[in-house]
């Protein structure tokens, strides 16, 4: 810490004045001065305090005096808290203002029917990606994601060389997906309808579900050989050969509502336990466990039997019952004695508005 003995009293007063509008709750409730209760400041308060900070720093620069905010040693607990509050406010202001820049891509908002009424439920559930790879004149870019703990959609732009047309039946020979720490996944990729079908650009929507948490994990996608389906011949026609690799870290918030269930349900004359249900605006996730699950998985499955356990109904508090016909897709996975169900919905869900779900024939009240 620099020596401050030569600092006059007026300088201490000016710094105190700079922070005079910070509420008591943002200063006296702190135990050690290392945090700021930032969410208790209104938008106008944040802007007012930030402008004061900026004005004071500008004044320091004009007068050829380096800013000494970090050098001031105030006697007493109150002054230390004020100084920590100033530092925390600067950090909060930069991150909060950056977050306000995020906007849903219109293609995602249109796909999910987002509105002013339901967008609030998705606060923090999306992230801008901006990762791109280009090979042989073909570029693939991950634009934006929307997800929860186990499910995610990725919006991708595909661009072929200028003057060429991206066929509306375009796809890839293979798509490989790897997510750090995830052992079981299901995924699909579709080309969205295009307002300009004769140009060289297209939009892909990649959908995935996993048997474990995916947020804060590294993800890698590899696309192999661009081709299209020929309606006349019924064959896949190669367009561009190559590999396009995209990788980044998933960094969004899981806005799911979690329910601890701990209820036994019958399955094939046996008993398993529904451990928990997690509901986000885009999907439902159910975790089930039991020795019978491992026993069931030890026998080769009969494709005609369907899933061991499935979500047959999602019952809303307004009396509406949603079924598989209202979903975009579902998947199940087994890992030892654990069974996971993921169901992504066609329309955004309000987790607070769900009364119960039905697993096979058993209702689970949430």
Protein backbone atom coordinates (compact mmCIF):
# COMPACT_ATOMS: atom_id res chain seq x y z
CA UNK A 1 0.00 0.00 0.00
CA UNK A 2 1.42 3.43 -0.90
CA UNK A 3 2.06 5.94 1.87
CA UNK A 4 -0.80 8.49 2.14
CA UNK A 5 0.50 10.76 4.87
CA UNK A 6 0.87 13.68 2.46
CA UNK A 7 -2.77 13.53 1.34
CA UNK A 8 -4.92 16.42 2.49
CA UNK A 9 -8.26 16.12 4.25
CA UNK A 10 -10.20 17.61 1.34
CA UNK A 11 -9.25 14.67 -0.86
CA UNK A 12 -10.80 12.25 1.63
CA UNK A 13 -13.98 14.33 1.66
CA UNK A 14 -14.21 14.31 -2.14
CA UNK A 15 -14.09 10.53 -2.27
CA UNK A 16 -16.74 10.32 0.41
CA UNK A 17 -18.93 12.68 -1.58
CA UNK A 18 -18.44 10.55 -4.64
CA UNK A 19 -20.16 7.71 -2.79
CA UNK A 20 -22.79 9.69 -0.91
CA UNK A 21 -25.70 8.16 -2.84
CA UNK A 22 -24.83 4.55 -2.04
CA UNK A 23 -27.55 3.22 0.26
CA UNK A 24 -26.90 2.06 3.77
CA UNK A 25 -27.88 -1.47 2.76
CA UNK A 26 -25.03 -1.54 0.27
CA UNK A 27 -22.44 -0.65 2.91
CA UNK A 28 -23.45 -1.64 6.44
CA UNK A 29 -24.58 -5.20 5.69
CA UNK A 30 -21.12 -6.27 4.55
CA UNK A 31 -18.98 -8.37 6.78
CA UNK A 32 -15.56 -7.47 5.44
CA UNK A 33 -15.99 -4.88 2.71
CA UNK A 34 -15.25 -7.33 -0.09
CA UNK A 35 -18.72 -7.41 -1.63
CA UNK A 36 -21.41 -5.00 -2.72
CA UNK A 37 -25.13 -5.79 -2.64
CA UNK A 38 -25.36 -4.61 -6.20
CA UNK A 39 -28.85 -5.79 -7.05
CA UNK A 40 -30.32 -3.36 -4.53
CA UNK A 41 -29.22 -0.36 -6.59
CA UNK A 42 -31.77 0.93 -9.05
CA UNK A 43 -30.81 1.57 -12.68
CA UNK A 44 -30.83 5.35 -12.13
CA UNK A 45 -28.63 4.99 -9.04
CA UNK A 46 -26.09 2.86 -10.91
CA UNK A 47 -25.94 5.32 -13.77
CA UNK A 48 -25.63 8.30 -11.42
CA UNK A 49 -22.80 6.74 -9.41
CA UNK A 50 -21.00 5.53 -12.53
CA UNK A 51 -21.17 9.00 -14.07
CA UNK A 52 -19.70 10.48 -10.90
CA UNK A 53 -16.85 7.98 -11.00
CA UNK A 54 -16.16 8.74 -14.67
CA UNK A 55 -16.31 12.50 -14.08
CA UNK A 56 -13.90 12.30 -11.14
CA UNK A 57 -11.45 10.17 -13.12
CA UNK A 58 -11.63 12.59 -16.03
CA UNK A 59 -10.96 15.50 -13.67
CA UNK A 60 -7.91 13.68 -12.33
CA UNK A 61 -6.56 13.20 -15.84
CA UNK A 62 -7.14 16.82 -16.87
CA UNK A 63 -5.18 18.07 -13.89
CA UNK A 64 -2.32 15.63 -14.56
CA UNK A 65 -3.02 13.87 -11.31
CA UNK A 66 -3.13 10.09 -11.33
CA UNK A 67 -6.24 8.58 -9.80
CA UNK A 68 -5.41 7.59 -6.22
CA UNK A 69 -8.67 5.92 -5.28
CA UNK A 70 -6.85 2.66 -4.71
CA UNK A 71 -4.13 4.37 -2.67
CA UNK A 72 -6.37 5.94 -0.03
CA UNK A 73 -6.17 4.37 3.40
CA UNK A 74 -9.26 5.32 5.38
CA UNK A 75 -9.28 4.74 9.12
CA UNK A 76 -12.15 2.65 10.35
CA UNK A 77 -14.44 -0.06 8.97
CA UNK A 78 -16.94 2.27 7.30
CA UNK A 79 -14.36 3.82 4.96
CA UNK A 80 -12.97 0.42 3.97
CA UNK A 81 -16.46 -0.70 3.04
CA UNK A 82 -17.02 2.43 0.97
CA UNK A 83 -13.79 1.87 -0.94
CA UNK A 84 -14.66 -1.79 -1.59
CA UNK A 85 -18.09 -0.65 -2.73
CA UNK A 86 -16.51 1.69 -5.28
CA UNK A 87 -14.37 -1.11 -6.71
CA UNK A 88 -17.30 -3.54 -6.79
CA UNK A 89 -19.52 -0.94 -8.42
CA UNK A 90 -17.00 -0.37 -11.20
CA UNK A 91 -16.86 -4.11 -11.89
CA UNK A 92 -20.64 -4.45 -11.68
CA UNK A 93 -21.25 -1.52 -13.98
CA UNK A 94 -19.06 -2.95 -16.72
CA UNK A 95 -20.56 -6.44 -16.53
CA UNK A 96 -24.15 -5.28 -16.16
CA UNK A 97 -23.92 -2.90 -19.09
CA UNK A 98 -22.34 -5.66 -21.20
CA UNK A 99 -25.18 -8.02 -20.30
CA UNK A 100 -27.73 -5.45 -21.45
CA UNK A 101 -26.22 -5.62 -24.93
CA UNK A 102 -27.37 -9.24 -25.33
CA UNK A 103 -30.42 -9.60 -27.52
CA UNK A 104 -32.06 -12.73 -28.83
CA UNK A 105 -31.40 -13.36 -32.50
CA UNK A 106 -34.72 -12.88 -34.31
CA UNK A 107 -34.49 -16.41 -35.72
CA UNK A 108 -34.41 -17.90 -32.22
CA UNK A 109 -37.09 -15.58 -30.86
CA UNK A 110 -39.36 -16.37 -33.80
CA UNK A 111 -38.73 -20.09 -33.51
CA UNK A 112 -39.78 -20.16 -29.84
CA UNK A 113 -42.44 -17.48 -30.13
CA UNK A 114 -40.73 -15.22 -27.62
CA UNK A 115 -42.68 -12.19 -26.48
CA UNK A 116 -42.41 -9.47 -23.86
CA UNK A 117 -44.53 -11.71 -21.63
CA UNK A 118 -42.29 -14.78 -21.69
CA UNK A 119 -38.82 -13.38 -22.47
CA UNK A 120 -38.30 -12.55 -18.82
CA UNK A 121 -38.33 -16.27 -18.01
CA UNK A 122 -35.30 -16.69 -20.28
CA UNK A 123 -33.11 -14.02 -18.71
CA UNK A 124 -29.55 -15.32 -18.78
CA UNK A 125 -30.41 -18.56 -20.61
CA UNK A 126 -28.73 -17.48 -23.84
CA UNK A 127 -25.24 -16.57 -24.97
CA UNK A 128 -23.65 -15.10 -28.06
CA UNK A 129 -20.97 -17.41 -29.46
CA UNK A 130 -19.34 -15.90 -32.56
CA UNK A 131 -17.08 -18.90 -33.28
CA UNK A 132 -16.42 -19.55 -36.97
CA UNK A 133 -14.49 -21.95 -39.22
CA UNK A 134 -13.97 -21.64 -42.97
CA UNK A 135 -12.71 -24.30 -45.37
CA UNK A 136 -12.81 -24.29 -49.17
CA UNK A 137 -14.93 -21.15 -49.33
CA UNK A 138 -17.59 -22.59 -46.98
CA UNK A 139 -18.00 -20.96 -43.58
CA UNK A 140 -19.89 -22.27 -40.54
CA UNK A 141 -20.46 -19.99 -37.57
CA UNK A 142 -22.07 -20.69 -34.20
CA UNK A 143 -24.12 -17.56 -33.58
CA UNK A 144 -26.16 -18.00 -30.41
CA UNK A 145 -27.33 -20.63 -27.93
CA UNK A 146 -30.30 -21.09 -25.66
CA UNK A 147 -30.13 -23.79 -23.03
CA UNK A 148 -30.56 -25.17 -19.54
CA UNK A 149 -28.54 -27.64 -17.49
CA UNK A 150 -29.00 -30.57 -19.87
CA UNK A 151 -30.58 -29.25 -23.09
CA UNK A 152 -29.45 -26.72 -25.66
CA UNK A 153 -30.16 -25.26 -29.07
CA UNK A 154 -27.37 -23.78 -31.18
CA UNK A 155 -28.08 -21.33 -34.00
CA UNK A 156 -25.57 -21.72 -36.85
CA UNK A 157 -24.96 -19.73 -40.04
CA UNK A 158 -23.75 -21.62 -43.12
CA UNK A 159 -22.32 -19.66 -46.07
CA UNK A 160 -21.13 -21.12 -49.38
CA UNK A 161 -19.05 -19.21 -51.96
CA UNK A 162 -20.57 -16.07 -53.48
CA UNK A 163 -22.61 -16.81 -56.58
CA UNK A 164 -23.52 -20.33 -55.39
CA UNK A 165 -26.90 -21.39 -53.98
CA UNK A 166 -27.25 -23.22 -50.69
CA UNK A 167 -29.71 -25.99 -51.46
CA UNK A 168 -32.79 -26.08 -49.17
CA UNK A 169 -32.15 -29.80 -48.58
CA UNK A 170 -28.59 -29.22 -47.37
CA UNK A 171 -27.00 -31.34 -44.64
CA UNK A 172 -23.74 -33.04 -43.69
CA UNK A 173 -22.35 -36.54 -44.06
CA UNK A 174 -21.56 -36.53 -40.33
CA UNK A 175 -21.77 -34.22 -37.35
CA UNK A 176 -19.66 -35.08 -34.32
CA UNK A 177 -20.38 -33.54 -30.92
CA UNK A 178 -18.20 -33.64 -27.82
CA UNK A 179 -19.03 -31.98 -24.51
CA UNK A 180 -16.59 -32.11 -21.62
CA UNK A 181 -17.56 -34.74 -19.05
CA UNK A 182 -20.76 -35.86 -20.81
CA UNK A 183 -21.09 -39.59 -21.49
CA UNK A 184 -24.53 -39.75 -23.13
CA UNK A 185 -26.09 -37.37 -25.66
CA UNK A 186 -28.70 -37.17 -28.37
CA UNK A 187 -28.72 -34.50 -31.04
CA UNK A 188 -30.15 -33.43 -34.38
CA UNK A 189 -29.63 -30.60 -36.85
CA UNK A 190 -32.17 -28.99 -39.19
CA UNK A 191 -31.99 -26.32 -41.86
CA UNK A 192 -34.54 -23.63 -41.01
CA UNK A 193 -36.86 -22.18 -43.68
CA UNK A 194 -35.13 -19.37 -45.59
CA UNK A 195 -36.72 -16.10 -46.67
CA UNK A 196 -34.20 -15.99 -49.56
CA UNK A 197 -33.84 -19.62 -50.74
CA UNK A 198 -31.75 -18.71 -53.79
CA UNK A 199 -28.85 -17.05 -52.00
CA UNK A 200 -25.65 -18.56 -50.62
CA UNK A 201 -26.64 -18.49 -46.95
CA UNK A 202 -28.64 -20.73 -44.65
CA UNK A 203 -29.50 -21.18 -40.98
CA UNK A 204 -29.07 -24.41 -39.05
CA UNK A 205 -30.67 -25.11 -35.69
CA UNK A 206 -28.78 -27.78 -33.75
CA UNK A 207 -30.61 -29.43 -30.86
CA UNK A 208 -29.07 -31.59 -28.15
CA UNK A 209 -29.84 -33.23 -24.82
CA UNK A 210 -27.39 -34.82 -22.38
CA UNK A 211 -27.48 -37.13 -19.38
CA UNK A 212 -25.49 -34.66 -17.23
CA UNK A 213 -24.90 -30.96 -16.84
CA UNK A 214 -23.46 -29.21 -19.87
CA UNK A 215 -23.18 -25.59 -18.73
CA UNK A 216 -19.68 -24.23 -18.02
CA UNK A 217 -18.28 -27.10 -20.10
CA UNK A 218 -16.15 -27.05 -23.24
CA UNK A 219 -17.98 -28.06 -26.40
CA UNK A 220 -16.62 -29.12 -29.79
CA UNK A 221 -18.63 -29.62 -32.99
CA UNK A 222 -17.20 -31.15 -36.16
CA UNK A 223 -19.07 -31.01 -39.46
CA UNK A 224 -17.96 -33.32 -42.28
CA UNK A 225 -18.72 -32.85 -46.01
CA UNK A 226 -21.56 -30.57 -47.04
CA UNK A 227 -24.12 -32.26 -49.30
CA UNK A 228 -27.81 -32.07 -50.23
CA UNK A 229 -30.68 -34.45 -50.84
CA UNK A 230 -31.83 -34.64 -54.46
CA UNK A 231 -35.62 -34.98 -54.58
CA UNK A 232 -35.64 -36.49 -58.09
CA UNK A 233 -33.02 -39.20 -57.64
CA UNK A 234 -33.53 -39.77 -53.93
CA UNK A 235 -29.77 -39.64 -53.42
CA UNK A 236 -27.38 -37.50 -51.39
CA UNK A 237 -25.35 -35.24 -53.69
CA UNK A 238 -21.95 -34.04 -52.41
CA UNK A 239 -21.39 -30.28 -52.65
CA UNK A 240 -18.24 -29.44 -50.67
CA UNK A 241 -15.76 -31.74 -48.98
CA UNK A 242 -13.98 -30.78 -45.81
CA UNK A 243 -14.16 -30.60 -42.03
CA UNK A 244 -15.32 -27.60 -40.05
CA UNK A 245 -14.54 -27.56 -36.32
CA UNK A 246 -16.07 -25.16 -33.81
CA UNK A 247 -15.20 -25.13 -30.10
CA UNK A 248 -16.03 -22.82 -27.21
CA UNK A 249 -17.10 -22.82 -23.57
CA UNK A 250 -20.79 -22.93 -22.75
CA UNK A 251 -21.45 -19.97 -20.51
CA UNK A 252 -25.07 -19.22 -19.81
CA UNK A 253 -27.31 -19.56 -16.77
CA UNK A 254 -29.60 -22.48 -16.05
CA UNK A 255 -32.94 -20.85 -15.27
CA UNK A 256 -34.67 -24.15 -14.47
CA UNK A 257 -36.91 -24.69 -11.48
CA UNK A 258 -35.89 -27.84 -9.61
CA UNK A 259 -38.25 -30.13 -7.69
CA UNK A 260 -37.07 -32.81 -5.24
CA UNK A 261 -39.60 -35.63 -5.66
CA UNK A 262 -38.33 -38.82 -3.95
CA UNK A 263 -41.37 -40.89 -4.92
CA UNK A 264 -41.54 -44.55 -5.87
CA UNK A 265 -43.41 -45.56 -9.02
CA UNK A 266 -44.17 -49.03 -10.44
CA UNK A 267 -42.50 -50.17 -13.67
CA UNK A 268 -43.00 -53.68 -15.14
CA UNK A 269 -43.95 -55.04 -11.74
CA UNK A 270 -40.85 -53.53 -10.16
CA UNK A 271 -40.28 -50.27 -8.27
CA UNK A 272 -38.04 -47.34 -9.15
CA UNK A 273 -37.69 -43.94 -7.54
CA UNK A 274 -38.29 -40.57 -9.16
CA UNK A 275 -35.52 -38.49 -7.62
CA UNK A 276 -36.06 -35.06 -9.15
CA UNK A 277 -37.74 -33.06 -11.89
CA UNK A 278 -36.18 -29.98 -13.46
CA UNK A 279 -38.22 -27.65 -15.67
CA UNK A 280 -36.85 -24.82 -17.78
CA UNK A 281 -38.69 -22.72 -20.36
CA UNK A 282 -37.41 -25.05 -23.12
CA UNK A 283 -37.44 -28.53 -21.58
CA UNK A 284 -38.27 -30.99 -18.82
CA UNK A 285 -35.61 -33.20 -17.24
CA UNK A 286 -36.48 -36.15 -15.00
CA UNK A 287 -33.98 -38.22 -13.00
CA UNK A 288 -34.96 -41.70 -11.86
CA UNK A 289 -32.97 -44.41 -10.06
CA UNK A 290 -33.36 -48.02 -9.01
CA UNK A 291 -31.77 -51.45 -9.19
CA UNK A 292 -34.36 -52.55 -11.73
CA UNK A 293 -33.03 -50.00 -14.22
CA UNK A 294 -29.66 -51.74 -14.29
CA UNK A 295 -31.38 -55.12 -14.57
CA UNK A 296 -33.56 -53.85 -17.42
CA UNK A 297 -30.54 -52.47 -19.26
CA UNK A 298 -28.68 -55.79 -19.02
CA UNK A 299 -31.14 -57.41 -21.44
CA UNK A 300 -30.98 -56.49 -25.17
CA UNK A 301 -33.90 -54.12 -25.84
CA UNK A 302 -36.82 -54.94 -28.07
CA UNK A 303 -37.27 -51.98 -30.49
CA UNK A 304 -41.04 -52.48 -30.38
CA UNK A 305 -41.21 -52.01 -26.61
CA UNK A 306 -40.52 -48.27 -26.63
CA UNK A 307 -39.00 -46.45 -23.67
CA UNK A 308 -39.03 -47.97 -20.20
CA UNK A 309 -40.40 -44.74 -18.69
CA UNK A 310 -41.67 -41.72 -20.59
CA UNK A 311 -43.38 -38.41 -19.94
CA UNK A 312 -46.91 -39.02 -21.17
CA UNK A 313 -48.41 -35.75 -19.98
CA UNK A 314 -47.44 -32.34 -18.62
CA UNK A 315 -50.39 -30.86 -16.73
CA UNK A 316 -50.60 -27.09 -16.37
CA UNK A 317 -52.35 -25.25 -13.56
CA UNK A 318 -54.79 -23.75 -16.06
CA UNK A 319 -56.06 -27.22 -16.94
CA UNK A 320 -54.07 -27.67 -20.16
CA UNK A 321 -52.45 -31.07 -20.70
CA UNK A 322 -49.37 -31.21 -22.96
CA UNK A 323 -48.34 -34.50 -24.56
CA UNK A 324 -45.58 -35.74 -26.85
CA UNK A 325 -47.40 -34.09 -29.73
CA UNK A 326 -46.57 -30.74 -28.09
CA UNK A 327 -42.86 -31.55 -27.86
CA UNK A 328 -40.00 -31.00 -30.26
CA UNK A 329 -38.39 -34.27 -29.28
CA UNK A 330 -37.39 -36.38 -26.33
CA UNK A 331 -34.69 -38.78 -25.30
CA UNK A 332 -33.80 -41.20 -22.53
CA UNK A 333 -30.49 -42.50 -21.26
CA UNK A 334 -29.39 -45.19 -18.82
CA UNK A 335 -26.19 -45.15 -16.80
CA UNK A 336 -26.01 -48.04 -14.36
CA UNK A 337 -29.02 -47.71 -12.10
CA UNK A 338 -29.81 -44.16 -13.22
CA UNK A 339 -32.40 -43.24 -15.84
CA UNK A 340 -32.75 -39.73 -17.32
CA UNK A 341 -35.58 -38.35 -19.44
CA UNK A 342 -35.27 -35.14 -21.47
CA UNK A 343 -38.23 -33.64 -23.30
CA UNK A 344 -37.91 -30.39 -25.26
CA UNK A 345 -41.15 -28.49 -25.79
CA UNK A 346 -42.53 -26.83 -28.90
CA UNK A 347 -43.62 -23.72 -26.98
CA UNK A 348 -41.93 -22.01 -24.07
CA UNK A 349 -42.93 -23.32 -20.66
CA UNK A 350 -43.63 -21.38 -17.49
CA UNK A 351 -42.11 -23.58 -14.75
CA UNK A 352 -44.33 -21.88 -12.17
CA UNK A 353 -47.44 -22.81 -14.15
CA UNK A 354 -46.94 -26.61 -14.10
CA UNK A 355 -49.10 -28.62 -11.73
CA UNK A 356 -47.82 -32.15 -12.37
CA UNK A 357 -46.31 -34.57 -14.87
CA UNK A 358 -47.38 -38.10 -15.67
CA UNK A 359 -44.69 -40.78 -16.01
CA UNK A 360 -46.23 -43.77 -17.81
CA UNK A 361 -49.47 -43.97 -15.76
CA UNK A 362 -48.26 -42.36 -12.53
CA UNK A 363 -48.89 -38.70 -11.76
CA UNK A 364 -46.12 -36.75 -10.03
CA UNK A 365 -47.45 -33.59 -8.38
CA UNK A 366 -44.84 -30.82 -8.31
